[in-house]
Amino acid sequence: MKTTLKSSIFDKNILVKSFQKNFKTSNYTEKTTEINNNSIKGTQTEICINGLRIIIRDLKTKEYNIEVQHDFPLYKLQFEIEGHSHYVPLNSSQTEIFIPNAHYNLFYLPEVNGTLNYKTKRRKTLEILFTEQYLKDIIGTNFKQILHKIGTAISNKTAFLLWEKSKPISIELKSHIHQIVNCKYPDDLKKAYLEAKINELLIQLLAKTNENNYEEENSLLPIEDYKNILKISEYIHINLEKSLTITELAATIGVNTSKLKHDFKVIYDTTIFKYITNIRMEKAKELILEKNYNVTEAAYKVGYKHAQHFTVAFKKIYGYLPSKLTDFNTSQEGKYKNLNNF
């Protein structure tokens, strides 16, 4: 199994990666690489478990693209936590994959030969690559009958997307992602933990394909209205320090407030106010845990003028005070514990 990547970001403009068939490996391996070139700065962690490749990225980027070709079919669950990814095949009759900011998708491509385009200043991702053999191992050799839709696509060698339009990452999924990305167990335990978490994710998501109406969930809006809601989501993420109002948000895409509230609820299955609050709390948690901000600093950074108001909102969502996170940071023992409880 071989992947060929061509881009100006690589030495000599090319990178070739080879893998054992079905990503087979007898050992757990994990490697974090520091990247520092004209286009990308940050870290990339690659974890190899028998049958799986897990890629975790935290990058500051400029606009760039990568020509990509696999000599094997691609099975992938991809979370664009920040940033976005757009795969455009050379053959226009084949399937494009667009995953915008804070969205995800699971897909099967029988052939990969095209260009990955990245137009973003930041990319935080979790990508999980697996194979048909891995599905057989966790579901059974008759998985194509159990999961009829993806099974038919694999048998016919036609592309399959879990969602026609990539789905927003829910609060529950964000917690699941955090547990995978921040797992601090020793290697032997970490291998078992990650396998269990990933198997749970794959089974839950693939089981949705057996639901009669799963394809309709985010296909209820015209594409332009869908893109407008993505613009609103991106605007919220980069303007958390501001006082965000529905009137202001509606004006940024030229619609009335009633349409904005309706369309937003269709895509994100929550109100704009609750969405903004959840994003602010998640950002604050990240600032406290990863950047060592105190509660007042984090509150101000995500748009709260009064730390007390922030504390009330935080406890309402998470069930504990944000000071618990600062206590965790100051605990020497905490540095070596798993962060999954947060």
C-alpha atoms as a PDB file:
ATOM      1  CA  MET A   1       0.000   0.000   0.000  1.00  0.00           C
ATOM      2  CA  LYS A   2       1.492   3.300  -1.095  1.00  0.00           C
ATOM      3  CA  THR A   3       0.551   6.971  -0.924  1.00  0.00           C
ATOM      4  CA  THR A   4       2.228   9.587  -3.130  1.00  0.00           C
ATOM      5  CA  LEU A   5       1.988  13.234  -2.128  1.00  0.00           C
ATOM      6  CA  LYS A   6       3.227  16.164  -4.214  1.00  0.00           C
ATOM      7  CA  SER A   7       3.420  19.715  -2.887  1.00  0.00           C
ATOM      8  CA  SER A   8       5.811  22.612  -2.394  1.00  0.00           C
ATOM      9  CA  ILE A   9       5.620  21.965   1.354  1.00  0.00           C
ATOM     10  CA  PHE A  10       7.696  18.771   1.004  1.00  0.00           C
ATOM     11  CA  ASP A  11      11.422  18.394   0.463  1.00  0.00           C
ATOM     12  CA  LYS A  12      11.995  17.894  -3.264  1.00  0.00           C
ATOM     13  CA  ASN A  13       8.224  18.532  -3.639  1.00  0.00           C
ATOM     14  CA  ILE A  14       7.314  14.874  -3.124  1.00  0.00           C
ATOM     15  CA  LEU A  15       6.619  12.486  -0.259  1.00  0.00           C
ATOM     16  CA  VAL A  16       6.012   8.759  -0.702  1.00  0.00           C
ATOM     17  CA  LYS A  17       4.639   6.717   2.201  1.00  0.00           C
ATOM     18  CA  SER A  18       4.386   2.916   2.201  1.00  0.00           C
ATOM     19  CA  PHE A  19       2.312   0.701   4.505  1.00  0.00           C
ATOM     20  CA  GLN A  20       1.813  -2.973   5.134  1.00  0.00           C
ATOM     21  CA  LYS A  21      -1.328  -4.471   3.603  1.00  0.00           C
ATOM     22  CA  ASN A  22      -4.409  -3.518   5.640  1.00  0.00           C
ATOM     23  CA  PHE A  23      -2.167  -1.313   7.847  1.00  0.00           C
ATOM     24  CA  LYS A  24      -1.000  -4.499   9.516  1.00  0.00           C
ATOM     25  CA  THR A  25       1.472  -4.062  12.367  1.00  0.00           C
ATOM     26  CA  SER A  26       2.364  -6.138  15.400  1.00  0.00           C
ATOM     27  CA  ASN A  27       3.395  -3.187  17.557  1.00  0.00           C
ATOM     28  CA  TYR A  28       1.799   0.024  18.753  1.00  0.00           C
ATOM     29  CA  THR A  29       3.775   3.007  17.473  1.00  0.00           C
ATOM     30  CA  GLU A  30       3.330   6.728  18.016  1.00  0.00           C
ATOM     31  CA  LYS A  31       5.422   9.486  16.491  1.00  0.00           C
ATOM     32  CA  THR A  32       5.031  13.243  16.835  1.00  0.00           C
ATOM     33  CA  THR A  33       6.752  15.407  14.239  1.00  0.00           C
ATOM     34  CA  GLU A  34       7.488  19.115  14.586  1.00  0.00           C
ATOM     35  CA  ILE A  35       6.784  20.879  11.281  1.00  0.00           C
ATOM     36  CA  ASN A  36       8.299  24.253  10.506  1.00  0.00           C
ATOM     37  CA  ASN A  37       8.407  25.516   6.949  1.00  0.00           C
ATOM     38  CA  ASN A  38       7.156  28.483   4.965  1.00  0.00           C
ATOM     39  CA  SER A  39       3.571  27.192   4.795  1.00  0.00           C
ATOM     40  CA  ILE A  40       3.046  25.090   7.936  1.00  0.00           C
ATOM     41  CA  LYS A  41       4.114  25.284  11.571  1.00  0.00           C
ATOM     42  CA  GLY A  42       2.980  22.927  14.302  1.00  0.00           C
ATOM     43  CA  THR A  43       2.829  19.257  15.185  1.00  0.00           C
ATOM     44  CA  GLN A  44       1.581  16.097  13.537  1.00  0.00           C
ATOM     45  CA  THR A  45       1.164  12.892  15.496  1.00  0.00           C
ATOM     46  CA  GLU A  46       0.753   9.556  13.738  1.00  0.00           C
ATOM     47  CA  ILE A  47      -0.360   6.498  15.685  1.00  0.00           C
ATOM     48  CA  CYS A  48      -0.263   3.037  14.155  1.00  0.00           C
ATOM     49  CA  ILE A  49      -2.368   0.224  15.618  1.00  0.00           C
ATOM     50  CA  ASN A  50      -2.980  -3.022  13.793  1.00  0.00           C
ATOM     51  CA  GLY A  51      -5.461  -2.120  11.056  1.00  0.00           C
ATOM     52  CA  LEU A  52      -5.587   1.587  11.911  1.00  0.00           C
ATOM     53  CA  ARG A  53      -3.724   4.821  11.222  1.00  0.00           C
ATOM     54  CA  ILE A  54      -4.609   7.748  13.476  1.00  0.00           C
ATOM     55  CA  ILE A  55      -3.382  11.207  12.481  1.00  0.00           C
ATOM     56  CA  ILE A  56      -3.657  14.179  14.845  1.00  0.00           C
ATOM     57  CA  ARG A  57      -2.712  17.613  13.510  1.00  0.00           C
ATOM     58  CA  ASP A  58      -2.345  20.979  15.221  1.00  0.00           C
ATOM     59  CA  LEU A  59      -1.029  23.379  12.605  1.00  0.00           C
ATOM     60  CA  LYS A  60      -0.819  27.041  11.742  1.00  0.00           C
ATOM     61  CA  THR A  61      -0.947  27.243   7.968  1.00  0.00           C
ATOM     62  CA  LYS A  62      -1.014  29.361   4.885  1.00  0.00           C
ATOM     63  CA  GLU A  63      -3.038  28.442   1.829  1.00  0.00           C
ATOM     64  CA  TYR A  64      -1.591  25.337   0.212  1.00  0.00           C
ATOM     65  CA  ASN A  65      -2.546  22.234  -1.732  1.00  0.00           C
ATOM     66  CA  ILE A  66      -1.321  18.671  -2.086  1.00  0.00           C
ATOM     67  CA  GLU A  67      -1.661  16.348  -5.042  1.00  0.00           C
ATOM     68  CA  VAL A  68      -2.526  12.943  -3.595  1.00  0.00           C
ATOM     69  CA  GLN A  69      -2.688   9.451  -5.052  1.00  0.00           C
ATOM     70  CA  HIS A  70      -3.296   6.134  -3.302  1.00  0.00           C
ATOM     71  CA  ASP A  71      -2.831   2.717  -4.816  1.00  0.00           C
ATOM     72  CA  PHE A  72      -5.469   1.400  -2.393  1.00  0.00           C
ATOM     73  CA  PRO A  73      -9.105   2.279  -1.595  1.00  0.00           C
ATOM     74  CA  LEU A  74      -9.531   4.869   1.149  1.00  0.00           C
ATOM     75  CA  TYR A  75     -11.712   4.324   4.222  1.00  0.00           C
ATOM     76  CA  LYS A  76     -11.594   7.364   6.464  1.00  0.00           C
ATOM     77  CA  LEU A  77     -13.301   9.102   9.359  1.00  0.00           C
ATOM     78  CA  GLN A  78     -12.167  12.735   9.340  1.00  0.00           C
ATOM     79  CA  PHE A  79     -12.835  15.470  11.894  1.00  0.00           C
ATOM     80  CA  GLU A  80     -11.891  19.033  10.941  1.00  0.00           C
ATOM     81  CA  ILE A  81     -11.878  20.464  14.459  1.00  0.00           C
ATOM     82  CA  GLU A  82     -10.539  23.760  13.106  1.00  0.00           C
ATOM     83  CA  GLY A  83      -9.930  24.659   9.473  1.00  0.00           C
ATOM     84  CA  HIS A  84     -11.281  22.792   6.489  1.00  0.00           C
ATOM     85  CA  SER A  85     -10.344  20.229   3.855  1.00  0.00           C
ATOM     86  CA  HIS A  86     -11.451  20.004   0.226  1.00  0.00           C
ATOM     87  CA  TYR A  87     -10.539  17.017  -1.944  1.00  0.00           C
ATOM     88  CA  VAL A  88     -11.072  17.499  -5.700  1.00  0.00           C
ATOM     89  CA  PRO A  89     -10.542  14.408  -7.898  1.00  0.00           C
ATOM     90  CA  LEU A  90      -8.808  14.731 -11.264  1.00  0.00           C
ATOM     91  CA  ASN A  91     -11.713  12.851 -12.798  1.00  0.00           C
ATOM     92  CA  SER A  92     -14.666  15.240 -12.486  1.00  0.00           C
ATOM     93  CA  SER A  93     -17.107  12.334 -12.505  1.00  0.00           C
ATOM     94  CA  GLN A  94     -15.716  11.112  -9.195  1.00  0.00           C
ATOM     95  CA  THR A  95     -16.693  12.353  -5.729  1.00  0.00           C
ATOM     96  CA  GLU A  96     -15.467  15.550  -4.065  1.00  0.00           C
ATOM     97  CA  ILE A  97     -15.055  15.592  -0.305  1.00  0.00           C
ATOM     98  CA  PHE A  98     -15.556  18.950   1.437  1.00  0.00           C
ATOM     99  CA  ILE A  99     -15.279  19.094   5.221  1.00  0.00           C
ATOM    100  CA  PRO A 100     -15.629  22.646   6.558  1.00  0.00           C
ATOM    101  CA  ASN A 101     -14.626  24.053   9.927  1.00  0.00           C
ATOM    102  CA  ALA A 102     -15.953  22.086  12.948  1.00  0.00           C
ATOM    103  CA  HIS A 103     -17.455  19.375  10.694  1.00  0.00           C
ATOM    104  CA  TYR A 104     -16.774  15.702   9.998  1.00  0.00           C
ATOM    105  CA  ASN A 105     -17.532  12.916   7.590  1.00  0.00           C
ATOM    106  CA  LEU A 106     -16.906   9.217   7.081  1.00  0.00           C
ATOM    107  CA  PHE A 107     -16.269   8.047   3.555  1.00  0.00           C
ATOM    108  CA  TYR A 108     -15.076   5.321   1.226  1.00  0.00           C
ATOM    109  CA  LEU A 109     -13.300   6.175  -2.030  1.00  0.00           C
ATOM    110  CA  PRO A 110     -12.384   3.238  -4.283  1.00  0.00           C
ATOM    111  CA  GLU A 111      -9.832   5.463  -6.036  1.00  0.00           C
ATOM    112  CA  VAL A 112      -7.901   8.492  -4.799  1.00  0.00           C
ATOM    113  CA  ASN A 113      -6.194  10.650  -7.399  1.00  0.00           C
ATOM    114  CA  GLY A 114      -6.688  14.374  -7.048  1.00  0.00           C
ATOM    115  CA  THR A 115      -5.844  17.498  -5.082  1.00  0.00           C
ATOM    116  CA  LEU A 116      -6.332  18.385  -1.436  1.00  0.00           C
ATOM    117  CA  ASN A 117      -6.932  22.110  -0.995  1.00  0.00           C
ATOM    118  CA  TYR A 118      -6.454  23.924   2.298  1.00  0.00           C
ATOM    119  CA  LYS A 119      -7.500  27.564   2.579  1.00  0.00           C
ATOM    120  CA  THR A 120      -7.224  28.213   6.273  1.00  0.00           C
ATOM    121  CA  LYS A 121      -4.950  29.764   8.901  1.00  0.00           C
ATOM    122  CA  ARG A 122      -5.308  26.907  11.386  1.00  0.00           C
ATOM    123  CA  ARG A 123      -5.896  23.166  11.135  1.00  0.00           C
ATOM    124  CA  LYS A 124      -6.674  20.944  14.079  1.00  0.00           C
ATOM    125  CA  THR A 125      -7.746  17.522  12.901  1.00  0.00           C
ATOM    126  CA  LEU A 126      -8.343  13.958  13.906  1.00  0.00           C
ATOM    127  CA  GLU A 127      -8.185  11.522  10.985  1.00  0.00           C
ATOM    128  CA  ILE A 128      -8.799   7.797  11.340  1.00  0.00           C
ATOM    129  CA  LEU A 129      -7.893   5.546   8.398  1.00  0.00           C
ATOM    130  CA  PHE A 130      -8.978   1.904   8.323  1.00  0.00           C
ATOM    131  CA  THR A 131      -9.608  -0.845   5.764  1.00  0.00           C
ATOM    132  CA  GLU A 132     -12.281  -3.287   4.656  1.00  0.00           C
ATOM    133  CA  GLN A 133     -10.467  -5.943   6.645  1.00  0.00           C
ATOM    134  CA  TYR A 134     -10.775  -3.825   9.786  1.00  0.00           C
ATOM    135  CA  LEU A 135     -14.546  -3.617   9.293  1.00  0.00           C
ATOM    136  CA  LYS A 136     -14.642  -7.402   8.972  1.00  0.00           C
ATOM    137  CA  ASP A 137     -12.633  -7.731  12.188  1.00  0.00           C
ATOM    138  CA  ILE A 138     -14.908  -5.511  14.302  1.00  0.00           C
ATOM    139  CA  ILE A 139     -18.321  -6.205  12.730  1.00  0.00           C
ATOM    140  CA  GLY A 140     -17.932  -9.580  11.049  1.00  0.00           C
ATOM    141  CA  THR A 141     -17.269 -10.993   7.605  1.00  0.00           C
ATOM    142  CA  ASN A 142     -20.919 -10.364   6.717  1.00  0.00           C
ATOM    143  CA  PHE A 143     -20.657  -6.618   7.458  1.00  0.00           C
ATOM    144  CA  LYS A 144     -21.724  -5.794   3.891  1.00  0.00           C
ATOM    145  CA  GLN A 145     -25.104  -7.391   4.575  1.00  0.00           C
ATOM    146  CA  ILE A 146     -25.393  -5.784   8.013  1.00  0.00           C
ATOM    147  CA  LEU A 147     -24.435  -2.330   6.672  1.00  0.00           C
ATOM    148  CA  HIS A 148     -26.200  -2.593   3.347  1.00  0.00           C
ATOM    149  CA  LYS A 149     -25.575   0.913   1.976  1.00  0.00           C
ATOM    150  CA  ILE A 150     -21.822   1.042   2.470  1.00  0.00           C
ATOM    151  CA  GLY A 151     -21.586  -2.695   1.740  1.00  0.00           C
ATOM    152  CA  THR A 152     -23.204  -2.188  -1.661  1.00  0.00           C
ATOM    153  CA  ALA A 153     -20.875   0.737  -2.412  1.00  0.00           C
ATOM    154  CA  ILE A 154     -17.808  -1.342  -1.571  1.00  0.00           C
ATOM    155  CA  SER A 155     -19.024  -4.293  -3.635  1.00  0.00           C
ATOM    156  CA  ASN A 156     -19.723  -2.022  -6.616  1.00  0.00           C
ATOM    157  CA  LYS A 157     -16.564   0.044  -6.057  1.00  0.00           C
ATOM    158  CA  THR A 158     -18.557   3.281  -5.942  1.00  0.00           C
ATOM    159  CA  ALA A 159     -17.838   6.161  -3.576  1.00  0.00           C
ATOM    160  CA  PHE A 160     -19.744   6.368  -0.305  1.00  0.00           C
ATOM    161  CA  LEU A 161     -20.183   9.374   2.001  1.00  0.00           C
ATOM    162  CA  LEU A 162     -21.895   9.008   5.342  1.00  0.00           C
ATOM    163  CA  TRP A 163     -23.300  12.514   4.855  1.00  0.00           C
ATOM    164  CA  GLU A 164     -23.862  14.206   1.492  1.00  0.00           C
ATOM    165  CA  LYS A 165     -22.960  17.452   3.275  1.00  0.00           C
ATOM    166  CA  SER A 166     -20.474  17.025   6.094  1.00  0.00           C
ATOM    167  CA  LYS A 167     -22.044  17.202   9.562  1.00  0.00           C
ATOM    168  CA  PRO A 168     -21.240  19.613  12.394  1.00  0.00           C
ATOM    169  CA  ILE A 169     -19.265  18.001  15.216  1.00  0.00           C
ATOM    170  CA  SER A 170     -21.706  17.642  18.116  1.00  0.00           C
ATOM    171  CA  ILE A 171     -20.854  18.333  21.753  1.00  0.00           C
ATOM    172  CA  GLU A 172     -20.894  14.574  22.419  1.00  0.00           C
ATOM    173  CA  LEU A 173     -18.490  13.921  19.542  1.00  0.00           C
ATOM    174  CA  LYS A 174     -16.197  16.710  20.715  1.00  0.00           C
ATOM    175  CA  SER A 175     -15.903  14.971  24.055  1.00  0.00           C
ATOM    176  CA  HIS A 176     -15.115  11.683  22.282  1.00  0.00           C
ATOM    177  CA  ILE A 177     -12.480  13.396  20.117  1.00  0.00           C
ATOM    178  CA  HIS A 178     -10.898  15.056  23.149  1.00  0.00           C
ATOM    179  CA  GLN A 179     -10.587  11.702  24.887  1.00  0.00           C
ATOM    180  CA  ILE A 180      -8.791  10.220  21.869  1.00  0.00           C
ATOM    181  CA  VAL A 181      -6.512  13.184  21.169  1.00  0.00           C
ATOM    182  CA  ASN A 182      -5.528  13.751  24.807  1.00  0.00           C
ATOM    183  CA  CYS A 183      -5.217  10.166  26.022  1.00  0.00           C
ATOM    184  CA  LYS A 184      -2.222   9.970  28.386  1.00  0.00           C
ATOM    185  CA  TYR A 185      -2.185   6.270  29.193  1.00  0.00           C
ATOM    186  CA  PRO A 186       1.050   4.274  28.741  1.00  0.00           C
ATOM    187  CA  ASP A 187       1.347   2.609  25.340  1.00  0.00           C
ATOM    188  CA  ASP A 188      -0.093  -0.811  26.243  1.00  0.00           C
ATOM    189  CA  LEU A 189      -3.171   0.704  27.872  1.00  0.00           C
ATOM    190  CA  LYS A 190      -3.412   3.440  25.272  1.00  0.00           C
ATOM    191  CA  LYS A 191      -3.579   0.907  22.440  1.00  0.00           C
ATOM    192  CA  ALA A 192      -6.545  -0.884  24.033  1.00  0.00           C
ATOM    193  CA  TYR A 193      -8.231   2.397  24.957  1.00  0.00           C
ATOM    194  CA  LEU A 194      -7.931   3.921  21.481  1.00  0.00           C
ATOM    195  CA  GLU A 195      -9.126   0.747  19.780  1.00  0.00           C
ATOM    196  CA  ALA A 196     -12.199   0.674  22.021  1.00  0.00           C
ATOM    197  CA  LYS A 197     -12.973   4.357  21.436  1.00  0.00           C
ATOM    198  CA  ILE A 198     -12.502   4.137  17.662  1.00  0.00           C
ATOM    199  CA  ASN A 199     -14.508   0.929  17.352  1.00  0.00           C
ATOM    200  CA  GLU A 200     -17.329   2.574  19.291  1.00  0.00           C
ATOM    201  CA  LEU A 201     -17.234   5.592  16.969  1.00  0.00           C
ATOM    202  CA  LEU A 202     -17.190   3.555  13.777  1.00  0.00           C
ATOM    203  CA  ILE A 203     -20.013   1.263  14.852  1.00  0.00           C
ATOM    204  CA  GLN A 204     -22.216   4.136  16.042  1.00  0.00           C
ATOM    205  CA  LEU A 205     -21.725   6.112  12.831  1.00  0.00           C
ATOM    206  CA  LEU A 206     -21.991   3.198  10.418  1.00  0.00           C
ATOM    207  CA  ALA A 207     -25.140   1.993  12.177  1.00  0.00           C
ATOM    208  CA  LYS A 208     -26.778   5.267  11.120  1.00  0.00           C
ATOM    209  CA  THR A 209     -26.664   4.094   7.506  1.00  0.00           C
ATOM    210  CA  ASN A 210     -29.345   1.566   8.373  1.00  0.00           C
ATOM    211  CA  GLU A 211     -31.728   4.351   9.416  1.00  0.00           C
ATOM    212  CA  ASN A 212     -34.160   5.208   6.638  1.00  0.00           C
ATOM    213  CA  ASN A 213     -33.911   8.984   6.996  1.00  0.00           C
ATOM    214  CA  TYR A 214     -30.269   9.491   7.954  1.00  0.00           C
ATOM    215  CA  GLU A 215     -29.355  10.964   4.559  1.00  0.00           C
ATOM    216  CA  GLU A 216     -32.009  13.675   4.920  1.00  0.00           C
ATOM    217  CA  GLU A 217     -30.747  15.126   8.179  1.00  0.00           C
ATOM    218  CA  ASN A 218     -28.603  17.912   6.738  1.00  0.00           C
ATOM    219  CA  SER A 219     -29.891  17.958   3.166  1.00  0.00           C
ATOM    220  CA  LEU A 220     -32.949  20.037   3.984  1.00  0.00           C
ATOM    221  CA  LEU A 221     -31.462  23.370   2.901  1.00  0.00           C
ATOM    222  CA  PRO A 222     -30.378  24.613  -0.519  1.00  0.00           C
ATOM    223  CA  ILE A 223     -26.609  24.600  -0.895  1.00  0.00           C
ATOM    224  CA  GLU A 224     -26.299  28.406  -0.730  1.00  0.00           C
ATOM    225  CA  ASP A 225     -28.251  28.550   2.521  1.00  0.00           C
ATOM    226  CA  TYR A 226     -26.082  25.737   3.886  1.00  0.00           C
ATOM    227  CA  LYS A 227     -22.910  27.653   2.964  1.00  0.00           C
ATOM    228  CA  ASN A 228     -24.289  30.793   4.618  1.00  0.00           C
ATOM    229  CA  ILE A 229     -24.724  28.938   7.898  1.00  0.00           C
ATOM    230  CA  LEU A 230     -21.130  27.678   7.620  1.00  0.00           C
ATOM    231  CA  LYS A 231     -20.045  31.313   7.223  1.00  0.00           C
ATOM    232  CA  ILE A 232     -21.929  32.206  10.389  1.00  0.00           C
ATOM    233  CA  SER A 233     -20.271  29.351  12.281  1.00  0.00           C
ATOM    234  CA  GLU A 234     -16.824  30.489  11.128  1.00  0.00           C
ATOM    235  CA  TYR A 235     -17.626  34.100  12.039  1.00  0.00           C
ATOM    236  CA  ILE A 236     -18.615  32.998  15.552  1.00  0.00           C
ATOM    237  CA  HIS A 237     -15.420  30.994  16.033  1.00  0.00           C
ATOM    238  CA  ILE A 238     -13.130  33.913  15.144  1.00  0.00           C
ATOM    239  CA  ASN A 239     -15.117  36.580  17.010  1.00  0.00           C
ATOM    240  CA  LEU A 240     -15.729  34.999  20.398  1.00  0.00           C
ATOM    241  CA  GLU A 241     -14.364  38.068  22.206  1.00  0.00           C
ATOM    242  CA  LYS A 242     -17.094  40.241  20.688  1.00  0.00           C
ATOM    243  CA  SER A 243     -20.670  40.703  21.841  1.00  0.00           C
ATOM    244  CA  LEU A 244     -22.405  38.584  19.200  1.00  0.00           C
ATOM    245  CA  THR A 245     -26.053  39.331  18.413  1.00  0.00           C
ATOM    246  CA  ILE A 246     -28.436  37.518  16.110  1.00  0.00           C
ATOM    247  CA  THR A 247     -29.150  40.800  14.298  1.00  0.00           C
ATOM    248  CA  GLU A 248     -25.451  41.304  13.605  1.00  0.00           C
ATOM    249  CA  LEU A 249     -24.974  37.700  12.488  1.00  0.00           C
ATOM    250  CA  ALA A 250     -27.970  37.861  10.144  1.00  0.00           C
ATOM    251  CA  ALA A 251     -26.598  41.040   8.567  1.00  0.00           C
ATOM    252  CA  THR A 252     -23.275  39.344   7.742  1.00  0.00           C
ATOM    253  CA  ILE A 253     -25.036  37.004   5.288  1.00  0.00           C
ATOM    254  CA  GLY A 254     -27.878  39.313   4.271  1.00  0.00           C
ATOM    255  CA  VAL A 255     -30.877  37.449   5.691  1.00  0.00           C
ATOM    256  CA  ASN A 256     -33.491  38.277   8.304  1.00  0.00           C
ATOM    257  CA  THR A 257     -33.177  36.972  11.847  1.00  0.00           C
ATOM    258  CA  SER A 258     -36.071  34.510  11.500  1.00  0.00           C
ATOM    259  CA  LYS A 259     -34.461  32.761   8.526  1.00  0.00           C
ATOM    260  CA  LEU A 260     -31.082  32.685  10.246  1.00  0.00           C
ATOM    261  CA  LYS A 261     -32.522  31.086  13.379  1.00  0.00           C
ATOM    262  CA  HIS A 262     -34.462  28.534  11.345  1.00  0.00           C
ATOM    263  CA  ASP A 263     -31.597  27.532   9.054  1.00  0.00           C
ATOM    264  CA  PHE A 264     -29.101  27.396  11.914  1.00  0.00           C
ATOM    265  CA  LYS A 265     -31.366  25.041  13.876  1.00  0.00           C
ATOM    266  CA  VAL A 266     -31.704  22.765  10.824  1.00  0.00           C
ATOM    267  CA  ILE A 267     -27.920  22.393  10.469  1.00  0.00           C
ATOM    268  CA  TYR A 268     -26.750  22.436  14.096  1.00  0.00           C
ATOM    269  CA  ASP A 269     -29.865  21.133  15.876  1.00  0.00           C
ATOM    270  CA  THR A 270     -29.560  23.846  18.508  1.00  0.00           C
ATOM    271  CA  THR A 271     -30.187  27.562  18.908  1.00  0.00           C
ATOM    272  CA  ILE A 272     -27.581  30.153  17.971  1.00  0.00           C
ATOM    273  CA  PHE A 273     -27.351  31.323  21.587  1.00  0.00           C
ATOM    274  CA  LYS A 274     -26.666  27.798  22.901  1.00  0.00           C
ATOM    275  CA  TYR A 275     -24.169  27.185  20.112  1.00  0.00           C
ATOM    276  CA  ILE A 276     -22.214  30.370  20.907  1.00  0.00           C
ATOM    277  CA  THR A 277     -22.205  29.540  24.622  1.00  0.00           C
ATOM    278  CA  ASN A 278     -20.937  25.998  24.001  1.00  0.00           C
ATOM    279  CA  ILE A 279     -18.182  27.215  21.676  1.00  0.00           C
ATOM    280  CA  ARG A 280     -17.120  29.821  24.241  1.00  0.00           C
ATOM    281  CA  MET A 281     -16.981  27.234  27.013  1.00  0.00           C
ATOM    282  CA  GLU A 282     -14.961  24.808  24.910  1.00  0.00           C
ATOM    283  CA  LYS A 283     -12.503  27.542  23.956  1.00  0.00           C
ATOM    284  CA  ALA A 284     -12.195  28.636  27.571  1.00  0.00           C
ATOM    285  CA  LYS A 285     -11.551  25.065  28.688  1.00  0.00           C
ATOM    286  CA  GLU A 286      -8.803  24.769  26.085  1.00  0.00           C
ATOM    287  CA  LEU A 287      -7.218  28.063  27.198  1.00  0.00           C
ATOM    288  CA  ILE A 288      -7.183  26.983  30.844  1.00  0.00           C
ATOM    289  CA  LEU A 289      -5.965  23.419  30.287  1.00  0.00           C
ATOM    290  CA  GLU A 290      -3.537  23.963  27.412  1.00  0.00           C
ATOM    291  CA  LYS A 291      -2.486  27.621  27.702  1.00  0.00           C
ATOM    292  CA  ASN A 292      -2.559  27.943  31.508  1.00  0.00           C
ATOM    293  CA  TYR A 293      -4.951  30.916  31.476  1.00  0.00           C
ATOM    294  CA  ASN A 294      -6.628  31.686  34.780  1.00  0.00           C
ATOM    295  CA  VAL A 295     -10.433  31.816  34.949  1.00  0.00           C
ATOM    296  CA  THR A 296     -10.661  35.599  34.594  1.00  0.00           C
ATOM    297  CA  GLU A 297      -8.316  35.657  31.591  1.00  0.00           C
ATOM    298  CA  ALA A 298     -10.176  32.833  29.862  1.00  0.00           C
ATOM    299  CA  ALA A 299     -13.555  34.451  30.541  1.00  0.00           C
ATOM    300  CA  TYR A 300     -12.423  37.743  28.991  1.00  0.00           C
ATOM    301  CA  LYS A 301     -10.870  35.972  25.996  1.00  0.00           C
ATOM    302  CA  VAL A 302     -14.193  34.325  25.098  1.00  0.00           C
ATOM    303  CA  GLY A 303     -16.347  37.421  25.463  1.00  0.00           C
ATOM    304  CA  TYR A 304     -17.327  37.626  29.141  1.00  0.00           C
ATOM    305  CA  LYS A 305     -16.705  40.954  30.882  1.00  0.00           C
ATOM    306  CA  HIS A 306     -17.462  39.454  34.283  1.00  0.00           C
ATOM    307  CA  ALA A 307     -15.827  36.215  35.395  1.00  0.00           C
ATOM    308  CA  GLN A 308     -18.786  35.444  37.658  1.00  0.00           C
ATOM    309  CA  HIS A 309     -21.167  35.269  34.679  1.00  0.00           C
ATOM    310  CA  PHE A 310     -18.706  33.011  32.893  1.00  0.00           C
ATOM    311  CA  THR A 311     -18.405  30.720  35.906  1.00  0.00           C
ATOM    312  CA  VAL A 312     -22.188  30.293  36.136  1.00  0.00           C
ATOM    313  CA  ALA A 313     -22.440  29.451  32.416  1.00  0.00           C
ATOM    314  CA  PHE A 314     -19.489  27.049  32.598  1.00  0.00           C
ATOM    315  CA  LYS A 315     -20.916  25.127  35.570  1.00  0.00           C
ATOM    316  CA  LYS A 316     -24.327  24.915  33.892  1.00  0.00           C
ATOM    317  CA  ILE A 317     -22.764  23.114  30.902  1.00  0.00           C
ATOM    318  CA  TYR A 318     -20.067  20.968  32.519  1.00  0.00           C
ATOM    319  CA  GLY A 319     -21.399  20.468  36.029  1.00  0.00           C
ATOM    320  CA  TYR A 320     -18.250  21.737  37.755  1.00  0.00           C
ATOM    321  CA  LEU A 321     -16.540  25.080  38.284  1.00  0.00           C
ATOM    322  CA  PRO A 322     -13.789  26.219  35.888  1.00  0.00           C
ATOM    323  CA  SER A 323     -11.510  26.560  38.900  1.00  0.00           C
ATOM    324  CA  LYS A 324     -11.351  22.753  38.904  1.00  0.00           C
ATOM    325  CA  LEU A 325      -9.328  23.018  35.692  1.00  0.00           C
ATOM    326  CA  THR A 326      -6.873  25.504  37.183  1.00  0.00           C
ATOM    327  CA  ASP A 327      -6.500  23.241  40.224  1.00  0.00           C
ATOM    328  CA  PHE A 328      -5.721  20.394  37.834  1.00  0.00           C
ATOM    329  CA  ASN A 329      -3.039  22.452  36.100  1.00  0.00           C
ATOM    330  CA  THR A 330      -1.319  23.329  39.355  1.00  0.00           C
ATOM    331  CA  SER A 331      -1.229  19.706  40.475  1.00  0.00           C
ATOM    332  CA  GLN A 332       2.096  18.078  39.616  1.00  0.00           C
ATOM    333  CA  GLU A 333       0.351  14.712  39.742  1.00  0.00           C
ATOM    334  CA  GLY A 334      -2.246  15.918  37.280  1.00  0.00           C
ATOM    335  CA  LYS A 335       0.356  16.258  34.553  1.00  0.00           C
ATOM    336  CA  TYR A 336       0.504  12.488  34.288  1.00  0.00           C
ATOM    337  CA  LYS A 337      -3.165  11.670  34.647  1.00  0.00           C
ATOM    338  CA  ASN A 338      -5.565  11.177  31.815  1.00  0.00           C
ATOM    339  CA  LEU A 339      -7.519  14.307  30.914  1.00  0.00           C
ATOM    340  CA  ASN A 340     -10.604  12.344  29.864  1.00  0.00           C
ATOM    341  CA  ASN A 341     -12.692  13.593  32.793  1.00  0.00           C
ATOM    342  CA  PHE A 342     -12.536  17.053  31.242  1.00  0.00           C
END
